[in-house]
C-alpha cells in the first residue's frame, strides 16, 4: 500500500495526460478538443507539482531554525505551475474565441469539415 500512496499523484497526472491525449486524438468537435487540451494541461501541472512534493514537508518561507533543506518543499515547480496556469487560461480563452469565430464564419466546429474548407 505504501507504493500506491507514494506514487498516487504521478498515477493521477499520467491518467489525466492520457485522457487529454485520447480526447484530442479521437474527437472531431473543436470544443471537445479544446477541453482535451485543458485536461492535458491539468495533468502536466499535477505532474510538476508532484515532482516538488515532500511528504510532511514545509514551505521554505515557514522554515524554523535547524530545519534542513531535505525537509522543505521545492518552490520552483510551484512557481512554474503558477505561471503555467496563467498561460493555460490565456491559451484556453484564445482557443475558445477562435472556435467561436470559426463557427460564426463557417457554421461548423467539425475538424474534418474545417480541414476541407478552401481558404
Protein backbone atom coordinates (compact mmCIF):
# COMPACT_ATOMS: atom_id res chain seq x y z
CA UNK A 1 0.00 0.00 0.00
CA UNK A 2 2.93 2.32 0.60
CA UNK A 3 3.92 2.17 -3.07
CA UNK A 4 0.48 3.37 -4.13
CA UNK A 5 0.48 6.18 -1.55
CA UNK A 6 3.89 7.38 -2.72
CA UNK A 7 3.01 7.45 -6.40
CA UNK A 8 -0.71 8.28 -6.43
CA UNK A 9 -0.04 11.82 -7.72
CA UNK A 10 2.13 10.52 -10.54
CA UNK A 11 -0.52 7.97 -11.47
CA UNK A 12 -3.20 10.68 -11.44
CA UNK A 13 -1.07 13.00 -13.56
CA UNK A 14 -0.32 10.24 -16.04
CA UNK A 15 -4.02 9.34 -16.17
CA UNK A 16 -5.04 12.94 -16.88
CA UNK A 17 -2.43 13.24 -19.63
CA UNK A 18 -3.68 10.02 -21.23
CA UNK A 19 -7.32 11.14 -21.01
CA UNK A 20 -6.44 14.50 -22.54
CA UNK A 21 -4.48 12.88 -25.38
CA UNK A 22 -7.30 10.43 -26.03
CA UNK A 23 -9.84 13.25 -26.29
CA UNK A 24 -7.58 15.31 -28.57
CA UNK A 25 -6.91 12.41 -30.93
CA UNK A 26 -10.36 10.83 -31.02
CA UNK A 27 -12.82 13.73 -31.16
CA UNK A 28 -13.86 15.73 -34.21
CA UNK A 29 -15.57 18.62 -32.42
CA UNK A 30 -13.25 21.57 -31.84
CA UNK A 31 -14.73 22.41 -28.42
CA UNK A 32 -14.10 18.84 -27.22
CA UNK A 33 -10.51 19.06 -28.48
CA UNK A 34 -10.05 22.30 -26.54
CA UNK A 35 -11.42 20.60 -23.41
CA UNK A 36 -8.94 17.75 -24.02
CA UNK A 37 -6.11 20.29 -24.17
CA UNK A 38 -7.26 21.72 -20.86
CA UNK A 39 -7.29 18.26 -19.24
CA UNK A 40 -3.83 17.56 -20.65
CA UNK A 41 -2.58 20.86 -19.23
CA UNK A 42 -4.00 19.97 -15.82
CA UNK A 43 -2.22 16.60 -15.89
CA UNK A 44 1.11 18.24 -16.69
CA UNK A 45 0.61 20.77 -13.89
CA UNK A 46 -0.18 17.96 -11.45
CA UNK A 47 2.98 16.16 -12.52
CA UNK A 48 5.11 19.26 -11.96
CA UNK A 49 3.64 19.78 -8.50
CA UNK A 50 4.21 16.09 -7.71
CA UNK A 51 7.90 16.41 -8.56
CA UNK A 52 8.40 19.01 -5.82
CA UNK A 53 6.18 17.33 -3.22
CA UNK A 54 7.68 16.03 0.00
CA UNK A 55 5.51 14.17 2.47
CA UNK A 56 5.17 16.23 5.65
CA UNK A 57 7.45 18.87 4.14
CA UNK A 58 7.19 22.55 4.93
CA UNK A 59 7.34 25.61 2.75
CA UNK A 60 10.76 27.30 2.79
CA UNK A 61 9.22 30.58 3.88
CA UNK A 62 7.86 28.94 7.05
CA UNK A 63 11.13 27.24 7.94
CA UNK A 64 12.31 27.07 11.53
CA UNK A 65 15.91 27.29 12.68
CA UNK A 66 17.60 23.93 12.42
CA UNK A 67 15.35 22.68 9.61
CA UNK A 68 17.35 21.05 6.82
CA UNK A 69 16.68 21.57 3.12
CA UNK A 70 15.59 17.95 2.63
CA UNK A 71 12.51 18.65 4.80
CA UNK A 72 11.36 21.57 2.66
CA UNK A 73 9.11 21.51 -0.39
CA UNK A 74 10.77 22.73 -3.58
CA UNK A 75 9.20 26.09 -4.54
CA UNK A 76 10.40 26.07 -8.17
CA UNK A 77 7.78 23.61 -9.51
CA UNK A 78 5.10 25.60 -7.70
CA UNK A 79 6.23 28.81 -9.42
CA UNK A 80 6.34 27.03 -12.78
CA UNK A 81 2.82 25.67 -12.32
CA UNK A 82 1.50 29.07 -11.28
CA UNK A 83 2.93 30.53 -14.48
CA UNK A 84 1.60 27.57 -16.47
CA UNK A 85 -1.90 28.07 -15.09
CA UNK A 86 -1.93 31.72 -16.17
CA UNK A 87 -0.65 30.82 -19.64
CA UNK A 88 -3.11 27.92 -19.88
CA UNK A 89 -6.07 30.19 -19.10
CA UNK A 90 -4.93 32.67 -21.76
CA UNK A 91 -4.47 29.92 -24.37
CA UNK A 92 -7.86 28.42 -23.47
CA UNK A 93 -9.57 31.81 -23.84
CA UNK A 94 -7.87 32.41 -27.19
CA UNK A 95 -8.77 28.93 -28.46
CA UNK A 96 -12.42 29.37 -27.45
CA UNK A 97 -12.55 32.81 -29.09
CA UNK A 98 -11.10 31.36 -32.29
CA UNK A 99 -13.60 28.49 -32.17
CA UNK A 100 -16.47 30.96 -31.80
CA UNK A 101 -15.20 32.99 -34.74
CA UNK A 102 -14.74 29.85 -36.83
CA UNK A 103 -18.29 28.74 -36.07
CA UNK A 104 -19.62 32.17 -36.94
CA UNK A 105 -17.80 32.22 -40.30
CA UNK A 106 -18.30 28.61 -41.41
CA UNK A 107 -21.19 27.29 -39.32
CA UNK A 108 -19.37 24.19 -38.11
CA UNK A 109 -16.92 23.05 -35.47
CA UNK A 110 -16.25 19.66 -37.10
CA UNK A 111 -12.49 19.45 -37.66
CA UNK A 112 -12.84 17.30 -40.77
CA UNK A 113 -15.18 19.77 -42.43
CA UNK A 114 -12.95 22.67 -41.41
CA UNK A 115 -9.96 20.87 -42.94
CA UNK A 116 -11.82 20.51 -46.24
CA UNK A 117 -12.67 24.21 -46.47
CA UNK A 118 -10.93 26.30 -49.11
CA UNK A 119 -9.33 29.35 -47.58
